Structures are given as C-alpha cells and as structure tokens.
C-alpha atoms as a PDB file:
ATOM      1  CA  MET A   1     -30.020 -22.161  24.401  1.00  0.00           C
ATOM      2  CA  ALA A   2     -28.478 -24.154  21.497  1.00  0.00           C
ATOM      3  CA  ALA A   3     -25.278 -23.917  19.388  1.00  0.00           C
ATOM      4  CA  LEU A   4     -23.418 -25.436  16.448  1.00  0.00           C
ATOM      5  CA  TRP A   5     -20.241 -27.267  16.928  1.00  0.00           C
ATOM      6  CA  SER A   6     -17.514 -27.061  13.960  1.00  0.00           C
ATOM      7  CA  PRO A   7     -14.836 -29.447  14.935  1.00  0.00           C
ATOM      8  CA  ASN A   8     -12.501 -28.092  12.027  1.00  0.00           C
ATOM      9  CA  THR A   9     -12.731 -24.197  12.825  1.00  0.00           C
ATOM     10  CA  GLY A  10      -9.323 -23.118  13.509  1.00  0.00           C
ATOM     11  CA  ILE A  11      -6.801 -20.037  13.102  1.00  0.00           C
ATOM     12  CA  ILE A  12      -3.674 -19.201  11.264  1.00  0.00           C
ATOM     13  CA  ASN A  13      -0.830 -16.842  11.419  1.00  0.00           C
ATOM     14  CA  SER A  14      -1.758 -14.567   8.362  1.00  0.00           C
ATOM     15  CA  HIS A  15       1.618 -12.993   8.206  1.00  0.00           C
ATOM     16  CA  VAL A  16       3.381 -16.397   7.935  1.00  0.00           C
ATOM     17  CA  LEU A  17       0.920 -17.503   5.336  1.00  0.00           C
ATOM     18  CA  MET A  18       1.500 -14.212   3.228  1.00  0.00           C
ATOM     19  CA  SER A  19       5.430 -14.878   3.734  1.00  0.00           C
ATOM     20  CA  ARG A  20       5.164 -18.436   2.470  1.00  0.00           C
ATOM     21  CA  LEU A  21       3.182 -17.458  -0.647  1.00  0.00           C
ATOM     22  CA  TYR A  22       5.739 -14.604  -1.224  1.00  0.00           C
ATOM     23  CA  GLY A  23       8.570 -17.137  -0.928  1.00  0.00           C
ATOM     24  CA  ASP A  24       7.145 -19.512  -3.268  1.00  0.00           C
ATOM     25  CA  ALA A  25       6.264 -16.892  -5.748  1.00  0.00           C
ATOM     26  CA  VAL A  26       9.576 -15.564  -5.836  1.00  0.00           C
ATOM     27  CA  GLY A  27      11.068 -19.124  -6.271  1.00  0.00           C
ATOM     28  CA  ARG A  28       9.005 -19.314  -9.484  1.00  0.00           C
ATOM     29  CA  GLY A  29      10.401 -16.163 -10.820  1.00  0.00           C
ATOM     30  CA  VAL A  30       7.862 -13.739  -9.832  1.00  0.00           C
ATOM     31  CA  LEU A  31       9.263 -10.054  -9.363  1.00  0.00           C
ATOM     32  CA  PHE A  32       7.979  -7.722  -6.794  1.00  0.00           C
ATOM     33  CA  ALA A  33       7.835  -3.872  -6.628  1.00  0.00           C
ATOM     34  CA  PHE A  34       6.719  -2.963  -3.045  1.00  0.00           C
ATOM     35  CA  ASN A  35       5.722   0.514  -2.040  1.00  0.00           C
ATOM     36  CA  SER A  36       5.035   1.379  -5.756  1.00  0.00           C
ATOM     37  CA  GLU A  37       1.853   3.223  -6.494  1.00  0.00           C
ATOM     38  CA  VAL A  38      -0.255   2.777  -9.566  1.00  0.00           C
ATOM     39  CA  ALA A  39      -0.661   6.124 -11.203  1.00  0.00           C
ATOM     40  CA  SER A  40      -2.168   4.960 -14.433  1.00  0.00           C
ATOM     41  CA  ILE A  41      -3.493   1.938 -16.643  1.00  0.00           C
ATOM     42  CA  GLN A  42      -3.735   2.676 -20.212  1.00  0.00           C
ATOM     43  CA  ARG A  43      -5.331  -0.106 -22.469  1.00  0.00           C
ATOM     44  CA  GLN A  44      -3.013  -1.250 -25.449  1.00  0.00           C
ATOM     45  CA  ALA A  45      -3.632  -3.082 -28.692  1.00  0.00           C
ATOM     46  CA  ASP A  46      -1.944  -5.961 -26.936  1.00  0.00           C
ATOM     47  CA  GLY A  47      -2.585  -5.420 -23.298  1.00  0.00           C
ATOM     48  CA  TYR A  48      -2.064  -2.820 -20.739  1.00  0.00           C
ATOM     49  CA  GLU A  49       0.423  -0.275 -19.903  1.00  0.00           C
ATOM     50  CA  VAL A  50       0.612   0.120 -16.082  1.00  0.00           C
ATOM     51  CA  GLY A  51       2.512   3.353 -14.954  1.00  0.00           C
ATOM     52  CA  VAL A  52       4.061   3.488 -11.406  1.00  0.00           C
ATOM     53  CA  LEU A  53       4.265   6.902  -9.585  1.00  0.00           C
ATOM     54  CA  GLN A  54       7.457   6.155  -7.613  1.00  0.00           C
ATOM     55  CA  ASP A  55      10.440   6.414 -10.090  1.00  0.00           C
ATOM     56  CA  ASP A  56       7.973   6.876 -13.028  1.00  0.00           C
ATOM     57  CA  PHE A  57       8.611   3.435 -14.387  1.00  0.00           C
ATOM     58  CA  ARG A  58       5.828   1.457 -16.584  1.00  0.00           C
ATOM     59  CA  VAL A  59       5.126  -2.218 -17.069  1.00  0.00           C
ATOM     60  CA  LEU A  60       3.462  -3.714 -20.082  1.00  0.00           C
ATOM     61  CA  SER A  61       1.696  -6.688 -19.446  1.00  0.00           C
ATOM     62  CA  ASP A  62      -0.842  -8.961 -21.399  1.00  0.00           C
ATOM     63  CA  ILE A  63      -3.100  -9.331 -18.070  1.00  0.00           C
ATOM     64  CA  VAL A  64      -3.815  -7.216 -15.160  1.00  0.00           C
ATOM     65  CA  ILE A  65      -5.206  -8.764 -12.020  1.00  0.00           C
ATOM     66  CA  ASN A  66      -6.581  -6.033  -9.779  1.00  0.00           C
ATOM     67  CA  ALA A  67      -6.272  -7.441  -6.260  1.00  0.00           C
ATOM     68  CA  ALA A  68      -5.836  -3.876  -4.565  1.00  0.00           C
ATOM     69  CA  GLY A  69      -8.183  -4.581  -1.480  1.00  0.00           C
ATOM     70  CA  LEU A  70      -9.303  -1.257  -0.155  1.00  0.00           C
ATOM     71  CA  ASN A  71      -8.512   0.563  -3.436  1.00  0.00           C
ATOM     72  CA  SER A  72      -9.615  -2.326  -5.830  1.00  0.00           C
ATOM     73  CA  ASP A  73     -12.509   0.359  -7.033  1.00  0.00           C
ATOM     74  CA  LYS A  74     -10.043   2.977  -7.511  1.00  0.00           C
ATOM     75  CA  ILE A  75      -7.670   0.644  -9.613  1.00  0.00           C
ATOM     76  CA  ALA A  76     -10.686  -0.412 -11.768  1.00  0.00           C
ATOM     77  CA  GLU A  77     -11.834   3.471 -12.318  1.00  0.00           C
ATOM     78  CA  LEU A  78      -8.179   4.294 -13.131  1.00  0.00           C
ATOM     79  CA  ALA A  79      -8.354   1.518 -15.966  1.00  0.00           C
ATOM     80  CA  GLY A  80     -11.458   3.237 -17.247  1.00  0.00           C
ATOM     81  CA  LEU A  81     -14.204   0.982 -15.966  1.00  0.00           C
ATOM     82  CA  ASP A  82     -17.595   2.290 -14.836  1.00  0.00           C
ATOM     83  CA  VAL A  83     -17.198   0.956 -11.123  1.00  0.00           C
ATOM     84  CA  ASP A  84     -20.827   2.456 -10.113  1.00  0.00           C
ATOM     85  CA  GLY A  85     -22.498   0.932 -13.356  1.00  0.00           C
ATOM     86  CA  LEU A  86     -20.663  -2.364 -12.738  1.00  0.00           C
ATOM     87  CA  GLY A  87     -21.736  -2.505  -8.869  1.00  0.00           C
ATOM     88  CA  CYS A  88     -17.921  -2.244  -7.975  1.00  0.00           C
ATOM     89  CA  ARG A  89     -18.013   0.921  -5.598  1.00  0.00           C
ATOM     90  CA  LEU A  90     -16.672   0.302  -2.277  1.00  0.00           C
ATOM     91  CA  ASN A  91     -17.727   1.378   1.282  1.00  0.00           C
ATOM     92  CA  TYR A  92     -15.268   1.107   4.051  1.00  0.00           C
ATOM     93  CA  CYS A  93     -16.348  -0.904   7.220  1.00  0.00           C
ATOM     94  CA  LYS A  94     -14.128  -0.542  10.143  1.00  0.00           C
ATOM     95  CA  GLY A  95     -14.000  -3.395  13.002  1.00  0.00           C
ATOM     96  CA  ASP A  96     -12.422  -2.812  16.347  1.00  0.00           C
ATOM     97  CA  TYR A  97     -11.055  -5.615  18.533  1.00  0.00           C
ATOM     98  CA  PHE A  98     -10.451  -5.605  22.337  1.00  0.00           C
ATOM     99  CA  SER A  99      -8.254  -8.121  24.007  1.00  0.00           C
ATOM    100  CA  TYR A 100      -9.090  -9.835  27.479  1.00  0.00           C
ATOM    101  CA  SER A 101      -6.109  -9.816  29.799  1.00  0.00           C
ATOM    102  CA  GLY A 102      -5.153 -12.885  31.730  1.00  0.00           C
ATOM    103  CA  THR A 103      -5.989 -16.611  31.131  1.00  0.00           C
ATOM    104  CA  SER A 104      -8.884 -17.059  28.675  1.00  0.00           C
ATOM    105  CA  PRO A 105     -11.834 -18.876  30.070  1.00  0.00           C
ATOM    106  CA  VAL A 106     -12.764 -20.643  27.006  1.00  0.00           C
ATOM    107  CA  SER A 107     -10.280 -22.533  24.360  1.00  0.00           C
ATOM    108  CA  ARG A 108     -12.709 -22.446  21.369  1.00  0.00           C
ATOM    109  CA  LEU A 109     -13.700 -19.729  18.976  1.00  0.00           C
ATOM    110  CA  LEU A 110     -17.455 -18.492  19.741  1.00  0.00           C
ATOM    111  CA  TYR A 111     -19.782 -16.825  17.287  1.00  0.00           C
ATOM    112  CA  PRO A 112     -23.119 -15.259  17.826  1.00  0.00           C
ATOM    113  CA  VAL A 113     -25.946 -15.238  15.370  1.00  0.00           C
ATOM    114  CA  PRO A 114     -25.025 -12.969  12.686  1.00  0.00           C
ATOM    115  CA  GLY A 115     -26.078  -9.250  12.826  1.00  0.00           C
ATOM    116  CA  GLU A 116     -29.368  -8.057  10.956  1.00  0.00           C
ATOM    117  CA  HIS A 117     -28.924  -7.956   7.101  1.00  0.00           C
ATOM    118  CA  LEU A 118     -25.884 -10.000   7.711  1.00  0.00           C
ATOM    119  CA  SER A 119     -23.611  -6.656   8.187  1.00  0.00           C
ATOM    120  CA  GLY A 120     -21.233  -8.823  10.128  1.00  0.00           C
ATOM    121  CA  LEU A 121     -20.533 -11.703  12.188  1.00  0.00           C
ATOM    122  CA  GLY A 122     -21.077  -9.574  15.183  1.00  0.00           C
ATOM    123  CA  VAL A 123     -18.534  -9.303  18.396  1.00  0.00           C
ATOM    124  CA  HIS A 124     -17.138 -12.686  18.597  1.00  0.00           C
ATOM    125  CA  ALA A 125     -14.614 -14.509  20.809  1.00  0.00           C
ATOM    126  CA  THR A 126     -11.407 -15.608  18.961  1.00  0.00           C
ATOM    127  CA  LEU A 127      -7.972 -16.749  20.119  1.00  0.00           C
ATOM    128  CA  ASP A 128      -4.583 -15.943  18.816  1.00  0.00           C
ATOM    129  CA  LEU A 129      -1.761 -18.602  18.622  1.00  0.00           C
ATOM    130  CA  ALA A 130      -0.526 -17.880  21.864  1.00  0.00           C
ATOM    131  CA  GLY A 131      -3.890 -18.382  23.377  1.00  0.00           C
ATOM    132  CA  GLN A 132      -4.780 -14.775  24.054  1.00  0.00           C
ATOM    133  CA  LEU A 133      -8.612 -14.140  24.118  1.00  0.00           C
ATOM    134  CA  ARG A 134      -9.868 -11.122  22.013  1.00  0.00           C
ATOM    135  CA  PHE A 135     -13.270  -9.733  21.116  1.00  0.00           C
ATOM    136  CA  GLY A 136     -14.658  -8.167  17.945  1.00  0.00           C
ATOM    137  CA  PRO A 137     -14.731  -6.994  15.300  1.00  0.00           C
ATOM    138  CA  ASP A 138     -17.799  -4.799  15.330  1.00  0.00           C
ATOM    139  CA  THR A 139     -18.878  -2.713  12.420  1.00  0.00           C
ATOM    140  CA  GLU A 140     -18.617   0.864  11.874  1.00  0.00           C
ATOM    141  CA  ASP A 141     -18.971   2.692   8.370  1.00  0.00           C
ATOM    142  CA  VAL A 142     -16.125   4.996   7.748  1.00  0.00           C
ATOM    143  CA  THR A 143     -14.738   7.410   5.093  1.00  0.00           C
ATOM    144  CA  THR A 144     -11.213   7.455   6.181  1.00  0.00           C
ATOM    145  CA  LEU A 145      -8.589   4.545   6.753  1.00  0.00           C
ATOM    146  CA  ASP A 146      -7.900   5.137  10.511  1.00  0.00           C
ATOM    147  CA  TYR A 147      -6.919   2.064  12.629  1.00  0.00           C
ATOM    148  CA  THR A 148      -7.016   3.935  16.009  1.00  0.00           C
ATOM    149  CA  VAL A 149      -9.305   1.468  18.334  1.00  0.00           C
ATOM    150  CA  ASP A 150     -11.875   3.765  20.004  1.00  0.00           C
ATOM    151  CA  GLU A 151     -11.379   3.106  23.785  1.00  0.00           C
ATOM    152  CA  ARG A 152     -15.078   4.344  24.457  1.00  0.00           C
ATOM    153  CA  LYS A 153     -16.386   1.147  22.844  1.00  0.00           C
ATOM    154  CA  LYS A 154     -15.109  -0.885  26.038  1.00  0.00           C
ATOM    155  CA  LYS A 155     -18.492  -1.066  27.895  1.00  0.00           C
ATOM    156  CA  GLY A 156     -20.383  -2.039  24.747  1.00  0.00           C
ATOM    157  CA  PHE A 157     -17.613  -4.928  23.692  1.00  0.00           C
ATOM    158  CA  PHE A 158     -18.042  -6.054  27.589  1.00  0.00           C
ATOM    159  CA  GLN A 159     -21.765  -6.322  27.138  1.00  0.00           C
ATOM    160  CA  ALA A 160     -21.713  -8.242  24.016  1.00  0.00           C
ATOM    161  CA  ALA A 161     -19.014 -10.424  24.946  1.00  0.00           C
ATOM    162  CA  SER A 162     -20.855 -11.131  28.117  1.00  0.00           C
ATOM    163  CA  ARG A 163     -23.744 -12.536  26.160  1.00  0.00           C
ATOM    164  CA  LEU A 164     -21.319 -15.187  24.809  1.00  0.00           C
ATOM    165  CA  ILE A 165     -19.312 -15.861  27.964  1.00  0.00           C
ATOM    166  CA  PRO A 166     -20.845 -15.292  31.347  1.00  0.00           C
ATOM    167  CA  GLY A 167     -18.786 -14.085  34.246  1.00  0.00           C
ATOM    168  CA  LEU A 168     -16.468 -11.866  32.222  1.00  0.00           C
ATOM    169  CA  GLU A 169     -14.578  -8.855  34.051  1.00  0.00           C
ATOM    170  CA  GLU A 170     -14.891  -5.348  32.297  1.00  0.00           C
ATOM    171  CA  SER A 171     -11.669  -4.227  33.933  1.00  0.00           C
ATOM    172  CA  ARG A 172      -9.656  -6.792  31.872  1.00  0.00           C
ATOM    173  CA  PHE A 173     -10.857  -5.609  28.301  1.00  0.00           C
ATOM    174  CA  MET A 174      -8.083  -3.618  26.542  1.00  0.00           C
ATOM    175  CA  PRO A 175      -8.224  -1.660  23.277  1.00  0.00           C
ATOM    176  CA  HIS A 176      -6.252  -4.370  20.814  1.00  0.00           C
ATOM    177  CA  MET A 177      -6.389  -3.498  17.018  1.00  0.00           C
ATOM    178  CA  ALA A 178      -8.589  -2.395  14.285  1.00  0.00           C
ATOM    179  CA  GLY A 179      -9.162  -3.699  10.690  1.00  0.00           C
ATOM    180  CA  ILE A 180     -11.055  -2.089   7.870  1.00  0.00           C
ATOM    181  CA  ARG A 181     -13.128  -4.157   5.514  1.00  0.00           C
ATOM    182  CA  PRO A 182     -14.177  -3.433   1.806  1.00  0.00           C
ATOM    183  CA  LYS A 183     -17.764  -3.916   1.208  1.00  0.00           C
ATOM    184  CA  ILE A 184     -19.298  -3.395  -2.071  1.00  0.00           C
ATOM    185  CA  LYS A 185     -22.154  -0.786  -2.077  1.00  0.00           C
ATOM    186  CA  GLY A 186     -25.539  -1.860  -2.428  1.00  0.00           C
ATOM    187  CA  PRO A 187     -28.578  -3.319  -0.663  1.00  0.00           C
ATOM    188  CA  GLY A 188     -28.291  -6.626   1.370  1.00  0.00           C
ATOM    189  CA  VAL A 189     -25.486  -8.714   1.292  1.00  0.00           C
ATOM    190  CA  GLN A 190     -23.057  -8.146  -1.879  1.00  0.00           C
ATOM    191  CA  ASP A 191     -20.931 -11.062  -2.988  1.00  0.00           C
ATOM    192  CA  PHE A 192     -17.245 -10.888  -4.074  1.00  0.00           C
ATOM    193  CA  VAL A 193     -16.523  -9.416  -7.483  1.00  0.00           C
ATOM    194  CA  ILE A 194     -14.247 -12.082  -9.277  1.00  0.00           C
ATOM    195  CA  ARG A 195     -14.339 -11.612 -13.014  1.00  0.00           C
ATOM    196  CA  ASP A 196     -12.652 -10.911 -16.501  1.00  0.00           C
ATOM    197  CA  GLU A 197     -14.046  -7.640 -17.576  1.00  0.00           C
ATOM    198  CA  LYS A 198     -13.846  -8.617 -21.423  1.00  0.00           C
ATOM    199  CA  PRO A 199     -17.624  -8.347 -21.759  1.00  0.00           C
ATOM    200  CA  ASN A 200     -17.138  -4.557 -20.428  1.00  0.00           C
ATOM    201  CA  GLY A 201     -14.493  -3.881 -23.112  1.00  0.00           C
ATOM    202  CA  PHE A 202     -11.582  -4.747 -21.092  1.00  0.00           C
ATOM    203  CA  PRO A 203     -10.313  -8.260 -21.856  1.00  0.00           C
ATOM    204  CA  ASN A 204      -7.666  -9.745 -19.601  1.00  0.00           C
ATOM    205  CA  PHE A 205      -8.326  -7.145 -16.854  1.00  0.00           C
ATOM    206  CA  ILE A 206      -9.455  -9.389 -13.937  1.00  0.00           C
ATOM    207  CA  ASN A 207     -11.014  -7.576 -11.108  1.00  0.00           C
ATOM    208  CA  LEU A 208     -11.177  -8.708  -7.398  1.00  0.00           C
ATOM    209  CA  VAL A 209     -13.347  -6.191  -5.689  1.00  0.00           C
ATOM    210  CA  GLY A 210     -14.943  -6.362  -2.284  1.00  0.00           C
ATOM    211  CA  ILE A 211     -12.837  -9.233  -1.082  1.00  0.00           C
ATOM    212  CA  GLU A 212     -13.581  -8.991   2.669  1.00  0.00           C
ATOM    213  CA  SER A 213     -13.705 -11.545   5.275  1.00  0.00           C
ATOM    214  CA  PRO A 214     -13.923 -14.497   4.508  1.00  0.00           C
ATOM    215  CA  GLY A 215     -11.479 -13.690   1.715  1.00  0.00           C
ATOM    216  CA  LEU A 216      -8.562 -14.730   3.758  1.00  0.00           C
ATOM    217  CA  THR A 217      -9.967 -18.208   4.500  1.00  0.00           C
ATOM    218  CA  SER A 218     -10.846 -18.550   0.678  1.00  0.00           C
ATOM    219  CA  CYS A 219      -7.802 -16.994  -0.696  1.00  0.00           C
ATOM    220  CA  LEU A 220      -6.451 -20.084  -2.263  1.00  0.00           C
ATOM    221  CA  ALA A 221      -9.622 -21.078  -3.762  1.00  0.00           C
ATOM    222  CA  ILE A 222      -9.908 -17.660  -5.074  1.00  0.00           C
ATOM    223  CA  ALA A 223      -6.216 -17.957  -6.612  1.00  0.00           C
ATOM    224  CA  LYS A 224      -7.556 -21.031  -8.478  1.00  0.00           C
ATOM    225  CA  THR A 225     -10.723 -19.177  -9.665  1.00  0.00           C
ATOM    226  CA  VAL A 226      -8.422 -16.415 -11.129  1.00  0.00           C
ATOM    227  CA  ARG A 227      -6.020 -18.919 -12.633  1.00  0.00           C
ATOM    228  CA  SER A 228      -8.919 -20.440 -14.512  1.00  0.00           C
ATOM    229  CA  LEU A 229      -9.835 -17.072 -15.826  1.00  0.00           C
ATOM    230  CA  VAL A 230      -6.068 -16.261 -16.789  1.00  0.00           C
ATOM    231  CA  ASP A 231      -5.867 -19.698 -18.700  1.00  0.00           C
ATOM    232  CA  GLU A 232      -9.167 -18.584 -20.547  1.00  0.00           C
ATOM    233  CA  GLY A 233      -7.831 -15.394 -21.500  1.00  0.00           C
ATOM    234  CA  LEU A 234      -4.721 -16.796 -22.980  1.00  0.00           C
END
C-alpha cells in the first residue's frame, strides 16, 4: 500500500572491509594474535594481565577493549564483572538466508515492517555485489552455535518473500547461509552496551556487548566512540 524510499541504502563486501581495516592497523604497528583464546583476565594495579590459552603467553595492558562478539559476555565475566547485574548477558539469535536462483526480479533492497517487539527486521530481500538475490534473515533463539541452514524453512521463506515480491517461484529458493546475532537479555529492544566499566570497579576495561546488526553498518562510528573512551581513560 505504501513504502519509504531510501536512495542511499547500499551494500558492502564485509570481508574486504575487514581486510582493509586489518591492513591499516598493521601499517600503524598493531600486532595481531589470531586463533588465541583468552583464558584469564586479572586486574593489576597498573592495568590488566590477559592470559592466552594457546602457547601459555600473557599480555600486560593499560586498557582492555572487549569486542568479542558472541562471547563478549563471557569475556566480561572472565574479568570479574557481574554481567547479569549489569545487563550484559547474551542470548543467541540465529538467522537463516535462502538465495533465489537465476536473474533477480528486483534491483533494490526491500524491507518489510519490522517484527513484533522489533525482534528483527523480518525476512527481507537483499542483493550481493554480483546481483544475486537472497532473502533473510529470520529469527530463531538458539543455545548453540550451529550455522546449518534448515531446509524445512523453504516454504515459510517463500511465503514471506512473496509478500514483498509477487510472482516468485518456490522452486528457485535454495538454502544459502546462516548467521547468529548476540542479543542482550531483557524485555523489549536492548541497545548496544558501549562503556568504560570504571564505575563498576574496572577502569579502562571497555565493554562492547550485544553488538548485533546494525553493528557492521555503524562499526566506524562505534570505533570513534571507543577511541573517545580510551582518550578519557588515559
């Protein structure tokens, strides 16, 4: 019956974005230790000692920035923070996608009215950089990190997508991918947690918890906010 037109809505290649940010960071002297699981975080008089499970090495730092995504509440708890009392406990929300084979009947992103209680954007139509159409994500509360797409959802995706685009063919829907979003436990819509935990006894421990979509869209703005917290702490 009606729609909002957003001429500046677009898409990016998230992997290329991360590669560019990684390259910029390395060029400025940042050291990375990939595949290194944090085993302990100990508060010290002059900062924090972060212990790593692999190779049993430790890092001393004035500042810790917890940007651990799906494990950000566990990292905060590892440091000694009361994540339940501070409203930082996470739920996992899985979203499946189905691709639509062949030529896309649309050339724009299409979004429905968000779901009840703003639990998600609802199954929407999006395009990748090659012009491949896909639909998703749906919302499903899960307790484990399983990225398998449930093929039994095909008919439901077809029905939801058909409300956006008439004339779609169910046979062209194919399981594509799944993602899992970290949602903060609590009633209604819970905003991102971005804060220095100094008031809670952990100065210069900066928490980023519950950064779900649109965290990627706002990642550079989030970084600027964290930079301001770091400057204040130092």
